[in-house]
Amino acid sequence: MTQLLVPSNLLALDSPTKYTFKSQVPQSFLSGGESNTTIPTHFQSTPIPERENIKHTLIGSSRAVMGTIRVLHQLGYAEVGDWSPLLPSPTHAGEVMSILVRNIMVQ
């Protein structure tokens, strides 16, 4: 014979398959009575952080730029694919540059 276990907050009725839930709600709430709990009319505001783009530019030999990109990837700062392709530097002849734009929170 299988025994049916009834949780303590359920009350069996005339059949083991019918239950009623014993209320855990305070009587003052159900009857509309006053409670000593007050609801604040305003909440203390916390500053909402703003988001801002920040641009990183690496300029140097292709070996130095790619090495720095790999180090920043190993440190978990940026994926290698997040950087722009190597471009000729407009200000430094014979060098390349790569740019990373990140969106960060600023307070």
C-alpha atoms as a PDB file:
ATOM      1  CA  MET A   1       0.000   0.000   0.000  1.00  0.00           C
ATOM      2  CA  THR A   2       1.359   3.435  -0.993  1.00  0.00           C
ATOM      3  CA  GLN A   3       1.144   6.209   1.564  1.00  0.00           C
ATOM      4  CA  LEU A   4       0.429   9.758   0.377  1.00  0.00           C
ATOM      5  CA  LEU A   5       2.555  12.389   2.106  1.00  0.00           C
ATOM      6  CA  VAL A   6       0.758  15.691   2.636  1.00  0.00           C
ATOM      7  CA  PRO A   7       2.846  18.859   3.186  1.00  0.00           C
ATOM      8  CA  SER A   8       2.112  20.557   6.510  1.00  0.00           C
ATOM      9  CA  ASN A   9       0.697  23.685   4.852  1.00  0.00           C
ATOM     10  CA  LEU A  10      -1.995  21.660   3.041  1.00  0.00           C
ATOM     11  CA  LEU A  11      -5.151  20.402   4.739  1.00  0.00           C
ATOM     12  CA  ALA A  12      -6.766  17.212   3.399  1.00  0.00           C
ATOM     13  CA  LEU A  13     -10.475  17.350   2.573  1.00  0.00           C
ATOM     14  CA  ASP A  14     -12.746  14.379   1.936  1.00  0.00           C
ATOM     15  CA  SER A  15     -10.434  12.808  -0.665  1.00  0.00           C
ATOM     16  CA  PRO A  16      -6.643  12.397  -0.720  1.00  0.00           C
ATOM     17  CA  THR A  17      -6.612  14.131  -4.128  1.00  0.00           C
ATOM     18  CA  LYS A  18      -8.351  17.314  -2.910  1.00  0.00           C
ATOM     19  CA  TYR A  19      -6.475  19.858  -0.820  1.00  0.00           C
ATOM     20  CA  THR A  20      -6.944  23.394   0.338  1.00  0.00           C
ATOM     21  CA  PHE A  21      -4.114  25.817   1.013  1.00  0.00           C
ATOM     22  CA  LYS A  22      -3.782  27.198   4.548  1.00  0.00           C
ATOM     23  CA  SER A  23      -3.309  30.937   4.182  1.00  0.00           C
ATOM     24  CA  GLN A  24      -0.097  32.542   5.442  1.00  0.00           C
ATOM     25  CA  VAL A  25      -1.477  36.067   4.794  1.00  0.00           C
ATOM     26  CA  PRO A  26      -1.916  38.211   7.942  1.00  0.00           C
ATOM     27  CA  GLN A  27      -5.525  38.712   8.954  1.00  0.00           C
ATOM     28  CA  SER A  28      -5.079  42.515   9.073  1.00  0.00           C
ATOM     29  CA  PHE A  29      -4.264  42.500   5.361  1.00  0.00           C
ATOM     30  CA  LEU A  30      -7.302  40.399   4.463  1.00  0.00           C
ATOM     31  CA  SER A  31      -9.724  42.436   6.574  1.00  0.00           C
ATOM     32  CA  GLY A  32      -8.400  45.798   5.383  1.00  0.00           C
ATOM     33  CA  GLY A  33      -7.018  46.578   8.837  1.00  0.00           C
ATOM     34  CA  GLU A  34      -4.191  49.026   9.372  1.00  0.00           C
ATOM     35  CA  SER A  35      -0.647  47.746   9.346  1.00  0.00           C
ATOM     36  CA  ASN A  36       2.363  49.308  11.026  1.00  0.00           C
ATOM     37  CA  THR A  37       4.349  48.925   7.793  1.00  0.00           C
ATOM     38  CA  THR A  38       4.729  52.164   5.861  1.00  0.00           C
ATOM     39  CA  ILE A  39       5.516  52.469   2.186  1.00  0.00           C
ATOM     40  CA  PRO A  40       8.044  55.208   1.440  1.00  0.00           C
ATOM     41  CA  THR A  41       6.806  57.913  -0.896  1.00  0.00           C
ATOM     42  CA  HIS A  42      10.236  58.372  -2.450  1.00  0.00           C
ATOM     43  CA  PHE A  43      13.304  56.256  -2.850  1.00  0.00           C
ATOM     44  CA  GLN A  44      16.880  57.351  -2.405  1.00  0.00           C
ATOM     45  CA  SER A  45      18.220  57.880  -5.886  1.00  0.00           C
ATOM     46  CA  THR A  46      21.533  56.434  -6.912  1.00  0.00           C
ATOM     47  CA  PRO A  47      23.486  57.974  -9.767  1.00  0.00           C
ATOM     48  CA  ILE A  48      22.831  56.187 -13.032  1.00  0.00           C
ATOM     49  CA  PRO A  49      26.105  55.402 -14.751  1.00  0.00           C
ATOM     50  CA  GLU A  50      26.423  56.851 -18.211  1.00  0.00           C
ATOM     51  CA  ARG A  51      27.872  54.954 -21.143  1.00  0.00           C
ATOM     52  CA  GLU A  52      30.599  56.502 -23.245  1.00  0.00           C
ATOM     53  CA  ASN A  53      32.776  55.358 -26.138  1.00  0.00           C
ATOM     54  CA  ILE A  54      36.513  55.235 -25.605  1.00  0.00           C
ATOM     55  CA  LYS A  55      38.927  54.752 -28.481  1.00  0.00           C
ATOM     56  CA  HIS A  56      42.248  52.941 -28.216  1.00  0.00           C
ATOM     57  CA  THR A  57      44.786  53.492 -30.960  1.00  0.00           C
ATOM     58  CA  LEU A  58      47.924  51.405 -31.336  1.00  0.00           C
ATOM     59  CA  ILE A  59      50.618  52.799 -33.632  1.00  0.00           C
ATOM     60  CA  GLY A  60      53.907  51.064 -34.336  1.00  0.00           C
ATOM     61  CA  SER A  61      55.455  48.280 -36.345  1.00  0.00           C
ATOM     62  CA  SER A  62      53.017  45.590 -37.407  1.00  0.00           C
ATOM     63  CA  ARG A  63      54.864  43.166 -35.091  1.00  0.00           C
ATOM     64  CA  ALA A  64      54.515  45.497 -32.057  1.00  0.00           C
ATOM     65  CA  VAL A  65      50.849  46.307 -32.745  1.00  0.00           C
ATOM     66  CA  MET A  66      49.878  42.638 -33.230  1.00  0.00           C
ATOM     67  CA  GLY A  67      51.873  41.645 -30.135  1.00  0.00           C
ATOM     68  CA  THR A  68      50.061  44.253 -28.037  1.00  0.00           C
ATOM     69  CA  ILE A  69      46.683  43.118 -29.369  1.00  0.00           C
ATOM     70  CA  ARG A  70      47.530  39.520 -28.363  1.00  0.00           C
ATOM     71  CA  VAL A  71      48.639  40.610 -24.864  1.00  0.00           C
ATOM     72  CA  LEU A  72      45.417  42.584 -24.333  1.00  0.00           C
ATOM     73  CA  HIS A  73      43.485  39.509 -25.461  1.00  0.00           C
ATOM     74  CA  GLN A  74      45.393  37.263 -23.009  1.00  0.00           C
ATOM     75  CA  LEU A  75      44.588  39.747 -20.235  1.00  0.00           C
ATOM     76  CA  GLY A  76      40.883  39.427 -21.136  1.00  0.00           C
ATOM     77  CA  TYR A  77      40.505  43.063 -22.159  1.00  0.00           C
ATOM     78  CA  ALA A  78      39.516  42.639 -25.822  1.00  0.00           C
ATOM     79  CA  GLU A  79      39.123  39.959 -28.425  1.00  0.00           C
ATOM     80  CA  VAL A  80      41.630  40.013 -31.285  1.00  0.00           C
ATOM     81  CA  GLY A  81      38.750  40.424 -33.767  1.00  0.00           C
ATOM     82  CA  ASP A  82      37.493  43.560 -31.970  1.00  0.00           C
ATOM     83  CA  TRP A  83      40.424  45.593 -33.323  1.00  0.00           C
ATOM     84  CA  SER A  84      40.371  47.196 -36.761  1.00  0.00           C
ATOM     85  CA  PRO A  85      42.540  45.664 -39.483  1.00  0.00           C
ATOM     86  CA  LEU A  86      46.065  47.038 -39.617  1.00  0.00           C
ATOM     87  CA  LEU A  87      46.031  50.347 -41.476  1.00  0.00           C
ATOM     88  CA  PRO A  88      48.944  52.520 -42.616  1.00  0.00           C
ATOM     89  CA  SER A  89      49.611  55.205 -40.039  1.00  0.00           C
ATOM     90  CA  PRO A  90      48.729  58.653 -41.428  1.00  0.00           C
ATOM     91  CA  THR A  91      51.337  60.373 -39.254  1.00  0.00           C
ATOM     92  CA  HIS A  92      54.188  57.863 -38.952  1.00  0.00           C
ATOM     93  CA  ALA A  93      55.679  56.633 -42.238  1.00  0.00           C
ATOM     94  CA  GLY A  94      56.409  52.912 -42.312  1.00  0.00           C
ATOM     95  CA  GLU A  95      54.178  52.170 -39.291  1.00  0.00           C
ATOM     96  CA  VAL A  96      50.684  50.730 -38.985  1.00  0.00           C
ATOM     97  CA  MET A  97      47.832  51.393 -36.638  1.00  0.00           C
ATOM     98  CA  SER A  98      44.831  49.533 -35.266  1.00  0.00           C
ATOM     99  CA  ILE A  99      41.845  51.018 -33.454  1.00  0.00           C
ATOM    100  CA  LEU A 100      39.538  49.559 -30.809  1.00  0.00           C
ATOM    101  CA  VAL A 101      36.337  51.312 -29.724  1.00  0.00           C
ATOM    102  CA  ARG A 102      34.852  50.210 -26.383  1.00  0.00           C
ATOM    103  CA  ASN A 103      31.629  51.343 -24.759  1.00  0.00           C
ATOM    104  CA  ILE A 104      32.258  51.772 -21.024  1.00  0.00           C
ATOM    105  CA  MET A 105      30.258  52.956 -18.005  1.00  0.00           C
ATOM    106  CA  VAL A 106      31.352  56.301 -16.561  1.00  0.00           C
ATOM    107  CA  GLN A 107      30.120  57.695 -13.233  1.00  0.00           C
END
